[in-house]
Amino acid sequence: MSFLKTNKFLPTIFLLASFNLLSQVDPVLQENKVRADNAAVSQEKIDSSQVKIDQDSSEYKGVTKQIEGLKVYNAQKKKQIKRQIARMEEIEETMKYAAVLQRQIPPLSRRMHEGLTKFVELDLPFRTGERTERLKFIQDALDNPTVSPAEKLRQVLEGFNVEAEYGRKIDTYKDTVIIDDQEREVNILRVGRMVLAYQTTDQDETGIWNKETKSWESLPGRYQRPVRDGISMAKKLKTVGMLELPVPAAEVIQ
């Protein structure tokens, strides 16, 4: 009986012990909760910072690429500016002599025209009408005050170019020449400036220009076919080939 009396107080003692234990654990749990909340907040801050770092890193890489591109662009621009400055210096140097050249071009053009006229007079007498007309056209340009000095010089140079072309081509055209004090209608064959020959339209007579006597002279009959073939070649009616023609001997310059 005494044993039963003693144990009836045990539940009360157990409850008191449990209450005391809970009162001690609760602050610990509360502290752990606070720590967990703080850890969550810290992690959120870390995640946010990482996102910001990634954004800044990406932006830095983009800016770095732009800077490298700008460096290359600036280097190219520096080279261009350097070349432009050099070009400006050249232009400035040229402009210093522009007035002098402006005064020298007109007399130079006239001297060149006089030389070209003399050259045509001493040359073989081919296409005389066409060449005389060209010389007159150049002379009119030189005498025209409204034509610029540069254009006058260009006209003279063009005349020299045309004359130079004559020496590199084979040509044929109809003309009237004096043969034995008579006018005859003939076909002219010109091979550069080496040979100037003629052949009557009926092909009965063939001749050549003699530079020494400055007159037309008849050729032997064996040159009839070569001259006829040369005329056909010049008209592009026959394939260009070898021609057996009399060529004046080269002059020896003393």
Protein backbone atom coordinates (compact mmCIF):
# COMPACT_ATOMS: atom_id res chain seq x y z
CA MET A 1 0.00 0.00 0.00
CA SER A 2 2.82 2.32 0.73
CA PHE A 3 4.21 1.62 -2.74
CA LEU A 4 1.03 2.71 -4.45
CA LYS A 5 0.89 5.82 -2.45
CA THR A 6 4.37 6.74 -3.49
CA ASN A 7 3.83 6.24 -7.32
CA LYS A 8 0.74 8.31 -7.63
CA PHE A 9 2.91 11.45 -7.71
CA LEU A 10 5.07 10.26 -10.61
CA PRO A 11 2.88 11.65 -13.49
CA THR A 12 2.96 15.08 -11.93
CA ILE A 13 6.71 14.99 -11.57
CA PHE A 14 7.09 13.77 -15.21
CA LEU A 15 4.93 16.61 -16.52
CA LEU A 16 6.96 19.11 -14.60
CA ALA A 17 10.17 17.66 -16.02
CA SER A 18 8.80 17.70 -19.55
CA PHE A 19 7.73 21.30 -19.16
CA ASN A 20 11.15 22.25 -17.92
CA LEU A 21 12.74 20.44 -20.89
CA LEU A 22 10.49 22.13 -23.41
CA SER A 23 11.20 25.51 -21.89
CA GLN A 24 14.92 24.84 -22.39
CA VAL A 25 14.59 23.45 -25.99
CA ASP A 26 12.26 26.13 -27.27
CA PRO A 27 14.89 28.93 -27.29
CA VAL A 28 17.24 26.57 -29.13
CA LEU A 29 14.62 25.82 -31.77
CA GLN A 30 13.80 29.50 -32.04
CA GLU A 31 17.48 30.28 -32.48
CA ASN A 32 17.79 27.61 -35.16
CA LYS A 33 14.79 29.09 -36.96
CA VAL A 34 16.34 32.54 -36.83
CA ARG A 35 19.58 31.11 -38.15
CA ALA A 36 17.73 29.27 -40.92
CA ASP A 37 15.88 32.45 -41.87
CA ASN A 38 19.12 34.39 -41.86
CA ALA A 39 20.79 31.70 -43.93
CA ALA A 40 17.93 31.88 -46.45
CA VAL A 41 18.25 35.66 -46.62
CA SER A 42 22.02 35.36 -47.01
CA GLN A 43 21.64 32.76 -49.75
CA GLU A 44 19.18 35.00 -51.53
CA LYS A 45 21.69 37.84 -51.32
CA ILE A 46 24.42 35.55 -52.61
CA ASP A 47 22.25 34.41 -55.53
CA SER A 48 21.36 38.02 -56.32
CA SER A 49 25.04 39.01 -56.14
CA GLN A 50 26.02 36.13 -58.42
CA VAL A 51 23.43 37.20 -60.97
CA LYS A 52 24.78 40.74 -60.77
CA ILE A 53 28.36 39.46 -61.13
CA ASP A 54 27.38 37.40 -64.17
CA GLN A 55 25.69 40.41 -65.73
CA ASP A 56 28.67 42.65 -65.01
CA SER A 57 31.04 40.01 -66.40
CA SER A 58 29.02 39.68 -69.58
CA GLU A 59 28.85 43.46 -69.95
CA TYR A 60 32.61 43.71 -69.32
CA LYS A 61 33.32 41.16 -72.04
CA GLY A 62 31.07 43.05 -74.46
CA VAL A 63 32.72 46.38 -73.66
CA THR A 64 36.17 44.77 -73.99
CA LYS A 65 35.31 43.56 -77.50
CA GLN A 66 34.04 47.03 -78.41
CA ILE A 67 37.26 48.57 -77.11
CA GLU A 68 39.38 46.16 -79.17
CA GLY A 69 37.30 46.96 -82.23
CA LEU A 70 37.69 50.68 -81.59
CA LYS A 71 41.45 50.25 -81.24
CA VAL A 72 41.63 48.61 -84.69
CA TYR A 73 39.31 51.26 -86.14
CA ASN A 74 41.36 54.09 -84.64
CA ALA A 75 44.59 52.56 -85.97
CA GLN A 76 43.11 52.45 -89.48
CA LYS A 77 41.87 56.01 -89.18
CA LYS A 78 45.30 57.17 -88.05
CA LYS A 79 46.82 55.63 -91.19
CA GLN A 80 44.17 57.27 -93.38
CA ILE A 81 44.67 60.63 -91.72
CA LYS A 82 48.43 60.30 -92.17
CA ARG A 83 48.00 59.58 -95.88
CA GLN A 84 45.52 62.44 -96.26
CA ILE A 85 47.92 64.85 -94.56
CA ALA A 86 50.71 63.72 -96.91
CA ARG A 87 48.37 64.15 -99.88
CA MET A 88 47.38 67.64 -98.70
CA GLU A 89 51.04 68.56 -98.48
CA GLU A 90 51.59 67.32 -102.04
CA ILE A 91 48.61 69.32 -103.29
CA GLU A 92 49.82 72.40 -101.47
CA GLU A 93 53.26 71.96 -103.02
CA THR A 94 51.72 71.53 -106.46
CA MET A 95 49.55 74.60 -106.08
CA LYS A 96 52.66 76.69 -105.56
CA TYR A 97 53.68 75.94 -109.15
CA ALA A 98 50.17 76.07 -110.63
CA ALA A 99 50.48 79.71 -111.66
CA VAL A 100 53.84 79.06 -113.30
CA LEU A 101 52.48 76.03 -115.19
CA GLN A 102 49.42 78.00 -116.20
CA ARG A 103 51.67 80.52 -117.97
CA GLN A 104 53.91 77.87 -119.54
CA ILE A 105 51.23 75.62 -121.04
CA PRO A 106 50.01 77.94 -123.86
CA PRO A 107 53.45 78.54 -125.43
CA LEU A 108 54.31 74.87 -124.98
CA SER A 109 51.10 73.86 -126.78
CA ARG A 110 51.90 76.18 -129.68
CA ARG A 111 55.44 74.85 -130.02
CA MET A 112 54.13 71.29 -130.02
CA HIS A 113 51.53 72.18 -132.66
CA GLU A 114 54.21 73.73 -134.85
CA GLY A 115 56.31 70.58 -134.51
CA LEU A 116 53.32 68.39 -135.36
CA THR A 117 52.55 70.51 -138.42
CA LYS A 118 56.14 70.23 -139.62
CA PHE A 119 56.08 66.48 -139.05
CA VAL A 120 52.96 66.06 -141.19
CA GLU A 121 54.51 68.15 -143.96
CA LEU A 122 57.61 65.92 -144.07
CA ASP A 123 55.67 62.67 -143.68
CA LEU A 124 54.21 60.44 -146.39
CA PRO A 125 51.29 62.21 -148.12
CA PHE A 126 48.46 59.96 -146.93
CA ARG A 127 45.00 61.15 -145.84
CA THR A 128 46.19 64.71 -146.34
CA GLY A 129 42.73 66.24 -146.13
CA GLU A 130 41.90 64.53 -142.85
CA ARG A 131 45.25 65.38 -141.26
CA THR A 132 45.17 69.01 -142.45
CA GLU A 133 41.68 69.41 -141.02
CA ARG A 134 42.83 68.03 -137.68
CA LEU A 135 45.74 70.47 -137.54
CA LYS A 136 43.38 73.35 -138.33
CA PHE A 137 41.01 72.23 -135.57
CA ILE A 138 43.88 72.27 -133.08
CA GLN A 139 45.02 75.69 -134.32
CA ASP A 140 41.50 77.08 -133.85
CA ALA A 141 41.45 75.75 -130.27
CA LEU A 142 44.80 77.38 -129.55
CA ASP A 143 43.53 80.72 -130.88
CA ASN A 144 40.24 80.52 -128.94
CA PRO A 145 40.50 82.50 -125.65
CA THR A 146 37.53 80.66 -124.15
CA VAL A 147 39.32 77.29 -124.34
CA SER A 148 41.28 76.48 -121.19
CA PRO A 149 45.06 75.93 -121.40
CA ALA A 150 44.58 72.33 -120.24
CA GLU A 151 42.09 71.63 -123.06
CA LYS A 152 44.42 73.21 -125.62
CA LEU A 153 47.24 70.94 -124.50
CA ARG A 154 44.91 67.93 -124.58
CA GLN A 155 43.97 68.68 -128.18
CA VAL A 156 47.63 68.85 -129.20
CA LEU A 157 48.44 65.58 -127.42
CA GLU A 158 45.46 63.92 -129.07
CA GLY A 159 46.88 64.98 -132.43
CA PHE A 160 50.20 63.32 -131.57
CA ASN A 161 48.37 60.15 -130.50
CA VAL A 162 46.50 59.93 -133.80
CA GLU A 163 49.73 60.37 -135.78
CA ALA A 164 51.40 57.69 -133.67
CA GLU A 165 48.56 55.26 -134.46
CA TYR A 166 49.14 55.73 -138.18
CA GLY A 167 52.57 54.14 -137.81
CA ARG A 168 51.16 50.94 -136.32
CA LYS A 169 48.35 50.10 -138.73
CA ILE A 170 47.68 49.01 -142.29
CA ASP A 171 45.17 51.21 -144.10
CA THR A 172 43.48 51.66 -147.46
CA TYR A 173 41.26 54.34 -148.99
CA LYS A 174 40.33 55.84 -152.34
CA ASP A 175 42.10 58.95 -153.56
CA THR A 176 43.05 60.88 -156.68
CA VAL A 177 46.77 61.14 -157.47
CA ILE A 178 48.87 62.68 -160.23
CA ILE A 179 50.47 60.04 -162.46
CA ASP A 180 52.37 61.22 -165.54
CA ASP A 181 50.78 64.65 -165.17
CA GLN A 182 47.32 63.11 -165.16
CA GLU A 183 44.81 62.67 -162.33
CA ARG A 184 44.00 59.03 -161.69
CA GLU A 185 41.49 57.52 -159.30
CA VAL A 186 43.31 54.86 -157.29
CA ASN A 187 43.20 52.72 -154.17
CA ILE A 188 45.89 53.73 -151.69
CA LEU A 189 47.65 51.11 -149.55
CA ARG A 190 49.56 52.30 -146.50
CA VAL A 191 51.60 49.91 -144.36
CA GLY A 192 52.51 51.92 -141.29
CA ARG A 193 54.95 54.57 -142.44
CA MET A 194 57.10 52.14 -144.40
CA VAL A 195 55.14 51.80 -147.62
CA LEU A 196 52.65 54.05 -149.38
CA ALA A 197 51.50 52.42 -152.61
CA TYR A 198 48.67 52.88 -155.08
CA GLN A 199 46.78 50.72 -157.54
CA THR A 200 44.39 51.94 -160.18
CA THR A 201 40.78 50.81 -159.84
CA ASP A 202 41.19 48.60 -162.93
CA GLN A 203 44.37 47.13 -161.34
CA ASP A 204 46.32 47.80 -164.52
CA GLU A 205 48.90 49.99 -162.86
CA THR A 206 50.63 49.81 -159.49
CA GLY A 207 53.04 52.31 -157.98
CA ILE A 208 54.69 53.62 -154.85
CA TRP A 209 55.54 56.98 -153.29
CA ASN A 210 59.19 57.93 -153.56
CA LYS A 211 60.20 60.04 -150.55
CA GLU A 212 63.36 61.30 -152.23
CA THR A 213 61.71 62.60 -155.39
CA LYS A 214 58.41 63.28 -153.57
CA SER A 215 56.45 61.76 -156.41
CA TRP A 216 54.60 58.60 -157.41
CA GLU A 217 56.53 55.99 -159.37
CA SER A 218 55.30 52.90 -161.18
CA LEU A 219 56.22 49.46 -159.88
CA PRO A 220 57.01 46.32 -161.89
CA GLY A 221 54.11 44.00 -162.62
CA ARG A 222 55.24 41.49 -159.96
CA TYR A 223 54.04 43.92 -157.25
CA GLN A 224 50.51 44.05 -158.63
CA ARG A 225 49.29 41.06 -156.64
CA PRO A 226 50.98 41.92 -153.30
CA VAL A 227 49.47 45.44 -153.40
CA ARG A 228 46.07 44.02 -154.31
CA ASP A 229 46.31 41.52 -151.44
CA GLY A 230 47.40 44.28 -149.05
CA ILE A 231 44.34 46.34 -149.99
CA SER A 232 42.12 43.32 -149.30
CA MET A 233 43.83 42.79 -145.92
CA ALA A 234 43.32 46.43 -144.98
CA LYS A 235 39.62 46.08 -145.85
CA LYS A 236 39.54 42.92 -143.70
CA LEU A 237 38.46 40.90 -146.70
CA LYS A 238 41.50 38.67 -146.41
CA THR A 239 43.55 37.23 -143.57
CA VAL A 240 46.59 39.32 -142.76
CA GLY A 241 49.76 37.71 -144.06
CA MET A 242 53.18 38.41 -145.52
CA LEU A 243 53.44 40.95 -148.33
CA GLU A 244 56.37 41.33 -150.71
CA LEU A 245 56.62 45.10 -151.09
CA PRO A 246 59.55 47.43 -151.82
CA VAL A 247 60.69 49.13 -148.61
CA PRO A 248 63.00 52.18 -148.77
CA ALA A 249 66.44 51.56 -147.27
CA ALA A 250 67.02 52.95 -143.80
CA GLU A 251 68.77 56.27 -143.68
CA VAL A 252 72.11 56.53 -141.88
CA ILE A 253 72.15 59.36 -139.33
CA GLN A 254 75.44 61.21 -139.33
